[in-house]
Amino acid sequence: MSLEPLGERFERVGLPAGAVREWFSRTLMYGFGLSAAGDYAPFPEAAAEALRCVGRYRLSDDDVDHVLAGFGELPAHPDAAPAMRALADGGVRMICLTNGAAATTESFLARTGLDSHIEQVVPTAAVSSWKPPARVYQHALEVLGLPADEVALVAVHAWDCHGAARAGLTTGWASRLEGGYGSIFTPADVTGADLVEVAEGLLALPRPESLTSS
């Protein structure tokens, strides 16, 4: 999802449009922090609390609801559809593994026409944890019924690729969000300027023996 359109809703409740990135980073931080402590909060709750904090706890409940309702209108990044088409044409199955609410992701996929490529949405809520602990990716493998060496995670966050790599998955990282891949993280197997380049790179990788022999 492209979060930039939420900037208009931020401005309507008295926050600068540029605060969207701070808010989303804080949302992730809250989710990560609770998971590290052995606790869990669903994405909507963490997002609402992070928004209240960014607003210095001056926003009303209606303000918070107004901003978060914008998730129902967010567009897809322009590289998502062509990347998915390339992977589908290459015979690759796809799911969405999300820290967010399953219903929100499913609605987004249907609204943007991306649902035709996605088998199912797998929320991390099923294991009461946000990415990137290994158990989250292992849950996705169980849902798919595949071993780690036959599955790749594609992301725009280096920390997400790091977590997936620790769980044994192949990883593909697009640079359009972070600009560079942090040296503290396990390197991604494939990198690209956008999702299309990453998809092409993944398709060019040697297939596991279990796939090439089947």
C-alpha atoms as a PDB file:
ATOM      1  CA  MET A   1       0.000   0.000   0.000  1.00  0.00           C
ATOM      2  CA  SER A   2       1.045   3.572  -0.618  1.00  0.00           C
ATOM      3  CA  LEU A   3       0.632   5.481   2.653  1.00  0.00           C
ATOM      4  CA  GLU A   4       1.221   8.966   1.227  1.00  0.00           C
ATOM      5  CA  PRO A   5      -2.514   9.726   0.655  1.00  0.00           C
ATOM      6  CA  LEU A   6      -3.036   9.543   4.418  1.00  0.00           C
ATOM      7  CA  GLY A   7      -1.236  12.881   4.601  1.00  0.00           C
ATOM      8  CA  GLU A   8      -4.463  14.679   3.672  1.00  0.00           C
ATOM      9  CA  ARG A   9      -6.265  13.081   6.591  1.00  0.00           C
ATOM     10  CA  PHE A  10      -3.400  14.001   8.910  1.00  0.00           C
ATOM     11  CA  GLU A  11      -3.795  17.620   7.865  1.00  0.00           C
ATOM     12  CA  ARG A  12      -7.543  17.543   8.489  1.00  0.00           C
ATOM     13  CA  VAL A  13      -6.927  16.636  12.141  1.00  0.00           C
ATOM     14  CA  GLY A  14      -4.227  19.260  12.571  1.00  0.00           C
ATOM     15  CA  LEU A  15      -1.080  17.204  11.939  1.00  0.00           C
ATOM     16  CA  PRO A  16       1.470  17.816   9.182  1.00  0.00           C
ATOM     17  CA  ALA A  17       1.212  15.506   6.193  1.00  0.00           C
ATOM     18  CA  GLY A  18       4.867  14.611   6.674  1.00  0.00           C
ATOM     19  CA  ALA A  19       4.073  13.022  10.029  1.00  0.00           C
ATOM     20  CA  VAL A  20       2.748   9.932   8.236  1.00  0.00           C
ATOM     21  CA  ARG A  21       6.207   8.365   8.151  1.00  0.00           C
ATOM     22  CA  GLU A  22       6.849   9.092  11.838  1.00  0.00           C
ATOM     23  CA  TRP A  23       3.475   7.619  12.721  1.00  0.00           C
ATOM     24  CA  PHE A  24       4.020   4.433  10.706  1.00  0.00           C
ATOM     25  CA  SER A  25       7.515   3.957  12.126  1.00  0.00           C
ATOM     26  CA  ARG A  26       6.107   4.330  15.633  1.00  0.00           C
ATOM     27  CA  THR A  27       3.344   1.843  14.824  1.00  0.00           C
ATOM     28  CA  LEU A  28       5.965  -0.708  13.813  1.00  0.00           C
ATOM     29  CA  MET A  29       8.026   0.083  16.893  1.00  0.00           C
ATOM     30  CA  TYR A  30       5.042  -0.555  19.170  1.00  0.00           C
ATOM     31  CA  GLY A  31       4.283  -3.846  17.421  1.00  0.00           C
ATOM     32  CA  PHE A  32       7.917  -4.965  17.516  1.00  0.00           C
ATOM     33  CA  GLY A  33       8.316  -3.927  21.137  1.00  0.00           C
ATOM     34  CA  LEU A  34       5.277  -5.827  22.334  1.00  0.00           C
ATOM     35  CA  SER A  35       6.318  -8.912  20.370  1.00  0.00           C
ATOM     36  CA  ALA A  36       9.819  -8.772  21.873  1.00  0.00           C
ATOM     37  CA  ALA A  37       8.257  -8.591  25.330  1.00  0.00           C
ATOM     38  CA  GLY A  38       6.092 -11.626  24.632  1.00  0.00           C
ATOM     39  CA  ASP A  39       2.897  -9.629  24.248  1.00  0.00           C
ATOM     40  CA  TYR A  40       0.760  -8.690  21.253  1.00  0.00           C
ATOM     41  CA  ALA A  41      -1.528  -5.923  20.024  1.00  0.00           C
ATOM     42  CA  PRO A  42      -3.406  -6.034  16.710  1.00  0.00           C
ATOM     43  CA  PHE A  43      -2.274  -3.573  14.060  1.00  0.00           C
ATOM     44  CA  PRO A  44      -5.333  -1.269  14.403  1.00  0.00           C
ATOM     45  CA  GLU A  45      -4.707  -0.865  18.126  1.00  0.00           C
ATOM     46  CA  ALA A  46      -0.991  -0.198  17.706  1.00  0.00           C
ATOM     47  CA  ALA A  47      -1.676   2.233  14.844  1.00  0.00           C
ATOM     48  CA  ALA A  48      -4.245   4.134  16.896  1.00  0.00           C
ATOM     49  CA  GLU A  49      -1.935   4.417  19.910  1.00  0.00           C
ATOM     50  CA  ALA A  50       0.964   5.534  17.738  1.00  0.00           C
ATOM     51  CA  LEU A  51      -1.243   8.193  16.157  1.00  0.00           C
ATOM     52  CA  ARG A  52      -2.286   9.503  19.568  1.00  0.00           C
ATOM     53  CA  CYS A  53       1.382   9.747  20.535  1.00  0.00           C
ATOM     54  CA  VAL A  54       2.348  11.579  17.332  1.00  0.00           C
ATOM     55  CA  GLY A  55      -0.536  13.959  18.063  1.00  0.00           C
ATOM     56  CA  ARG A  56       0.813  14.521  21.604  1.00  0.00           C
ATOM     57  CA  TYR A  57      -2.369  12.887  22.947  1.00  0.00           C
ATOM     58  CA  ARG A  58      -4.468  15.833  21.818  1.00  0.00           C
ATOM     59  CA  LEU A  59      -6.429  14.057  19.088  1.00  0.00           C
ATOM     60  CA  SER A  60     -10.017  13.042  19.738  1.00  0.00           C
ATOM     61  CA  ASP A  61     -11.245   9.508  19.140  1.00  0.00           C
ATOM     62  CA  ASP A  62     -13.069  10.838  16.068  1.00  0.00           C
ATOM     63  CA  ASP A  63      -9.796  12.268  14.761  1.00  0.00           C
ATOM     64  CA  VAL A  64      -8.048   8.933  15.175  1.00  0.00           C
ATOM     65  CA  ASP A  65     -10.923   7.080  13.522  1.00  0.00           C
ATOM     66  CA  HIS A  66     -10.905   9.546  10.622  1.00  0.00           C
ATOM     67  CA  VAL A  67      -7.223   9.017   9.895  1.00  0.00           C
ATOM     68  CA  LEU A  68      -7.298   5.235  10.182  1.00  0.00           C
ATOM     69  CA  ALA A  69     -10.388   5.019   7.979  1.00  0.00           C
ATOM     70  CA  GLY A  70      -8.101   6.171   5.188  1.00  0.00           C
ATOM     71  CA  PHE A  71      -6.704   2.639   4.979  1.00  0.00           C
ATOM     72  CA  GLY A  72      -9.867   1.791   3.091  1.00  0.00           C
ATOM     73  CA  GLU A  73      -8.843   4.107   0.244  1.00  0.00           C
ATOM     74  CA  LEU A  74      -5.111   3.549  -0.129  1.00  0.00           C
ATOM     75  CA  PRO A  75      -3.785   2.714  -3.601  1.00  0.00           C
ATOM     76  CA  ALA A  76      -1.192   0.150  -4.569  1.00  0.00           C
ATOM     77  CA  HIS A  77       2.306   1.202  -5.507  1.00  0.00           C
ATOM     78  CA  PRO A  78       2.597   1.184  -9.316  1.00  0.00           C
ATOM     79  CA  ASP A  79       5.221  -1.573  -9.311  1.00  0.00           C
ATOM     80  CA  ALA A  80       3.001  -4.075  -7.469  1.00  0.00           C
ATOM     81  CA  ALA A  81       0.765  -5.241 -10.335  1.00  0.00           C
ATOM     82  CA  PRO A  82       3.517  -5.775 -12.964  1.00  0.00           C
ATOM     83  CA  ALA A  83       5.700  -7.561 -10.418  1.00  0.00           C
ATOM     84  CA  MET A  84       2.864  -9.895  -9.486  1.00  0.00           C
ATOM     85  CA  ARG A  85       2.079 -10.574 -13.140  1.00  0.00           C
ATOM     86  CA  ALA A  86       5.708 -11.476 -13.803  1.00  0.00           C
ATOM     87  CA  LEU A  87       5.786 -13.892 -10.870  1.00  0.00           C
ATOM     88  CA  ALA A  88       2.438 -15.439 -11.838  1.00  0.00           C
ATOM     89  CA  ASP A  89       3.649 -15.912 -15.420  1.00  0.00           C
ATOM     90  CA  GLY A  90       6.714 -17.631 -13.963  1.00  0.00           C
ATOM     91  CA  GLY A  91       4.538 -20.121 -12.093  1.00  0.00           C
ATOM     92  CA  VAL A  92       5.095 -18.626  -8.652  1.00  0.00           C
ATOM     93  CA  ARG A  93       2.368 -18.886  -6.021  1.00  0.00           C
ATOM     94  CA  MET A  94       1.796 -15.770  -3.928  1.00  0.00           C
ATOM     95  CA  ILE A  95       0.355 -14.975  -0.513  1.00  0.00           C
ATOM     96  CA  CYS A  96       0.388 -11.824   1.593  1.00  0.00           C
ATOM     97  CA  LEU A  97       2.010 -12.153   5.021  1.00  0.00           C
ATOM     98  CA  THR A  98       0.913  -9.079   6.917  1.00  0.00           C
ATOM     99  CA  ASN A  99       1.282  -7.467  10.324  1.00  0.00           C
ATOM    100  CA  GLY A 100      -1.988  -5.712   9.512  1.00  0.00           C
ATOM    101  CA  ALA A 101      -5.588  -6.801   9.801  1.00  0.00           C
ATOM    102  CA  ALA A 102      -6.537  -9.548   7.339  1.00  0.00           C
ATOM    103  CA  ALA A 103      -9.795  -7.814   6.372  1.00  0.00           C
ATOM    104  CA  THR A 104      -7.963  -4.570   5.556  1.00  0.00           C
ATOM    105  CA  THR A 105      -5.446  -6.359   3.347  1.00  0.00           C
ATOM    106  CA  GLU A 106      -8.134  -8.426   1.619  1.00  0.00           C
ATOM    107  CA  SER A 107     -10.158  -5.287   0.917  1.00  0.00           C
ATOM    108  CA  PHE A 108      -7.073  -3.539  -0.457  1.00  0.00           C
ATOM    109  CA  LEU A 109      -6.286  -6.446  -2.789  1.00  0.00           C
ATOM    110  CA  ALA A 110      -9.855  -6.590  -4.081  1.00  0.00           C
ATOM    111  CA  ARG A 111     -10.082  -2.808  -4.557  1.00  0.00           C
ATOM    112  CA  THR A 112      -6.820  -2.620  -6.487  1.00  0.00           C
ATOM    113  CA  GLY A 113      -7.393  -5.755  -8.572  1.00  0.00           C
ATOM    114  CA  LEU A 114      -4.392  -7.541  -7.101  1.00  0.00           C
ATOM    115  CA  ASP A 115      -6.467 -10.282  -5.508  1.00  0.00           C
ATOM    116  CA  SER A 116      -6.361 -12.406  -8.666  1.00  0.00           C
ATOM    117  CA  HIS A 117      -2.680 -13.106  -7.974  1.00  0.00           C
ATOM    118  CA  ILE A 118      -2.955 -13.842  -4.243  1.00  0.00           C
ATOM    119  CA  GLU A 119      -3.973 -17.238  -2.879  1.00  0.00           C
ATOM    120  CA  GLN A 120      -4.707 -15.923   0.593  1.00  0.00           C
ATOM    121  CA  VAL A 121      -3.841 -13.338   3.201  1.00  0.00           C
ATOM    122  CA  VAL A 122      -1.899 -14.716   6.158  1.00  0.00           C
ATOM    123  CA  PRO A 123      -2.056 -12.370   9.171  1.00  0.00           C
ATOM    124  CA  THR A 124       0.672 -12.555  11.776  1.00  0.00           C
ATOM    125  CA  ALA A 125      -2.094 -12.344  14.382  1.00  0.00           C
ATOM    126  CA  ALA A 126      -2.431 -16.114  13.985  1.00  0.00           C
ATOM    127  CA  VAL A 127       0.782 -16.512  16.002  1.00  0.00           C
ATOM    128  CA  SER A 128       0.214 -13.408  18.166  1.00  0.00           C
ATOM    129  CA  SER A 129       3.375 -11.731  16.939  1.00  0.00           C
ATOM    130  CA  TRP A 130       4.485  -9.118  14.451  1.00  0.00           C
ATOM    131  CA  LYS A 131       7.255  -9.826  11.976  1.00  0.00           C
ATOM    132  CA  PRO A 132      10.230 -10.354  12.126  1.00  0.00           C
ATOM    133  CA  PRO A 133      10.526 -13.229  14.678  1.00  0.00           C
ATOM    134  CA  ALA A 134      11.189 -16.540  12.912  1.00  0.00           C
ATOM    135  CA  ARG A 135       7.953 -18.115  14.119  1.00  0.00           C
ATOM    136  CA  VAL A 136       5.958 -15.714  11.940  1.00  0.00           C
ATOM    137  CA  TYR A 137       7.649 -16.861   8.729  1.00  0.00           C
ATOM    138  CA  GLN A 138       7.502 -20.474   9.878  1.00  0.00           C
ATOM    139  CA  HIS A 139       3.745 -20.075  10.234  1.00  0.00           C
ATOM    140  CA  ALA A 140       3.560 -18.886   6.627  1.00  0.00           C
ATOM    141  CA  LEU A 141       5.514 -21.962   5.538  1.00  0.00           C
ATOM    142  CA  GLU A 142       3.042 -24.181   7.378  1.00  0.00           C
ATOM    143  CA  VAL A 143       0.126 -22.445   5.660  1.00  0.00           C
ATOM    144  CA  LEU A 144       1.769 -22.951   2.275  1.00  0.00           C
ATOM    145  CA  GLY A 145       2.822 -26.506   3.071  1.00  0.00           C
ATOM    146  CA  LEU A 146       6.292 -25.838   1.682  1.00  0.00           C
ATOM    147  CA  PRO A 147       9.858 -26.021   2.997  1.00  0.00           C
ATOM    148  CA  ALA A 148      11.769 -22.783   3.483  1.00  0.00           C
ATOM    149  CA  ASP A 149      14.048 -23.344   0.484  1.00  0.00           C
ATOM    150  CA  GLU A 150      11.034 -23.185  -1.843  1.00  0.00           C
ATOM    151  CA  VAL A 151       9.698 -19.883  -0.512  1.00  0.00           C
ATOM    152  CA  ALA A 152      10.834 -16.273  -0.887  1.00  0.00           C
ATOM    153  CA  LEU A 153       9.799 -13.167   0.987  1.00  0.00           C
ATOM    154  CA  VAL A 154       9.626  -9.901  -0.947  1.00  0.00           C
ATOM    155  CA  ALA A 155       9.743  -6.682   1.067  1.00  0.00           C
ATOM    156  CA  VAL A 156      10.830  -3.050   1.102  1.00  0.00           C
ATOM    157  CA  HIS A 157      12.133  -3.299   4.683  1.00  0.00           C
ATOM    158  CA  ALA A 158      15.587  -4.747   5.320  1.00  0.00           C
ATOM    159  CA  TRP A 159      14.518  -5.916   8.780  1.00  0.00           C
ATOM    160  CA  ASP A 160      11.745  -7.997   7.184  1.00  0.00           C
ATOM    161  CA  CYS A 161      14.200  -9.670   4.809  1.00  0.00           C
ATOM    162  CA  HIS A 162      16.562 -10.265   7.725  1.00  0.00           C
ATOM    163  CA  GLY A 163      13.871 -12.055   9.717  1.00  0.00           C
ATOM    164  CA  ALA A 164      12.855 -14.187   6.750  1.00  0.00           C
ATOM    165  CA  ALA A 165      16.476 -15.063   6.002  1.00  0.00           C
ATOM    166  CA  ARG A 166      16.963 -16.183   9.599  1.00  0.00           C
ATOM    167  CA  ALA A 167      13.994 -18.504   9.076  1.00  0.00           C
ATOM    168  CA  GLY A 168      15.660 -19.986   5.982  1.00  0.00           C
ATOM    169  CA  LEU A 169      13.675 -18.232   3.259  1.00  0.00           C
ATOM    170  CA  THR A 170      15.062 -16.661   0.098  1.00  0.00           C
ATOM    171  CA  THR A 171      14.633 -12.874   0.211  1.00  0.00           C
ATOM    172  CA  GLY A 172      14.048 -10.086  -2.278  1.00  0.00           C
ATOM    173  CA  TRP A 173      14.322  -6.423  -1.310  1.00  0.00           C
ATOM    174  CA  ALA A 174      13.221  -3.326  -3.235  1.00  0.00           C
ATOM    175  CA  SER A 175      15.014  -0.069  -2.443  1.00  0.00           C
ATOM    176  CA  ARG A 176      12.223   2.427  -3.145  1.00  0.00           C
ATOM    177  CA  LEU A 177      11.469   3.010   0.533  1.00  0.00           C
ATOM    178  CA  GLU A 178      14.808   2.819   2.335  1.00  0.00           C
ATOM    179  CA  GLY A 179      17.208   3.731  -0.462  1.00  0.00           C
ATOM    180  CA  GLY A 180      19.947   1.429   0.808  1.00  0.00           C
ATOM    181  CA  TYR A 181      20.195  -1.928   2.505  1.00  0.00           C
ATOM    182  CA  GLY A 182      21.454  -1.661   6.085  1.00  0.00           C
ATOM    183  CA  SER A 183      24.752  -3.412   6.739  1.00  0.00           C
ATOM    184  CA  ILE A 184      23.537  -4.760  10.096  1.00  0.00           C
ATOM    185  CA  PHE A 185      21.013  -7.018   8.338  1.00  0.00           C
ATOM    186  CA  THR A 186      21.546 -10.331   6.560  1.00  0.00           C
ATOM    187  CA  PRO A 187      21.936  -9.424   2.870  1.00  0.00           C
ATOM    188  CA  ALA A 188      18.962 -10.105   0.629  1.00  0.00           C
ATOM    189  CA  ASP A 189      19.379 -12.720  -2.093  1.00  0.00           C
ATOM    190  CA  VAL A 190      17.947 -10.329  -4.675  1.00  0.00           C
ATOM    191  CA  THR A 191      17.756  -6.537  -4.645  1.00  0.00           C
ATOM    192  CA  GLY A 192      16.210  -4.090  -7.069  1.00  0.00           C
ATOM    193  CA  ALA A 193      15.062  -0.504  -7.448  1.00  0.00           C
ATOM    194  CA  ASP A 194      11.444  -1.663  -7.430  1.00  0.00           C
ATOM    195  CA  LEU A 195       9.327  -4.778  -7.109  1.00  0.00           C
ATOM    196  CA  VAL A 196       9.529  -5.536 -10.826  1.00  0.00           C
ATOM    197  CA  GLU A 197      13.314  -5.772 -10.703  1.00  0.00           C
ATOM    198  CA  VAL A 198      13.082  -7.951  -7.611  1.00  0.00           C
ATOM    199  CA  ALA A 199      10.558 -10.264  -9.268  1.00  0.00           C
ATOM    200  CA  GLU A 200      12.799 -10.620 -12.314  1.00  0.00           C
ATOM    201  CA  GLY A 201      15.780 -11.334 -10.079  1.00  0.00           C
ATOM    202  CA  LEU A 202      13.936 -14.011  -8.142  1.00  0.00           C
ATOM    203  CA  LEU A 203      12.768 -15.715 -11.326  1.00  0.00           C
ATOM    204  CA  ALA A 204      16.376 -15.806 -12.526  1.00  0.00           C
ATOM    205  CA  LEU A 205      17.590 -17.671  -9.433  1.00  0.00           C
ATOM    206  CA  PRO A 206      18.282 -21.403  -9.714  1.00  0.00           C
ATOM    207  CA  ARG A 207      15.213 -23.368  -8.659  1.00  0.00           C
ATOM    208  CA  PRO A 208      15.533 -25.791  -5.704  1.00  0.00           C
ATOM    209  CA  GLU A 209      16.186 -29.376  -6.776  1.00  0.00           C
ATOM    210  CA  SER A 210      12.801 -30.390  -5.364  1.00  0.00           C
ATOM    211  CA  LEU A 211      11.151 -28.085  -7.893  1.00  0.00           C
ATOM    212  CA  THR A 212      13.283 -28.745 -10.943  1.00  0.00           C
ATOM    213  CA  SER A 213      12.862 -32.493 -10.571  1.00  0.00           C
ATOM    214  CA  SER A 214       9.092 -32.441 -10.143  1.00  0.00           C
END
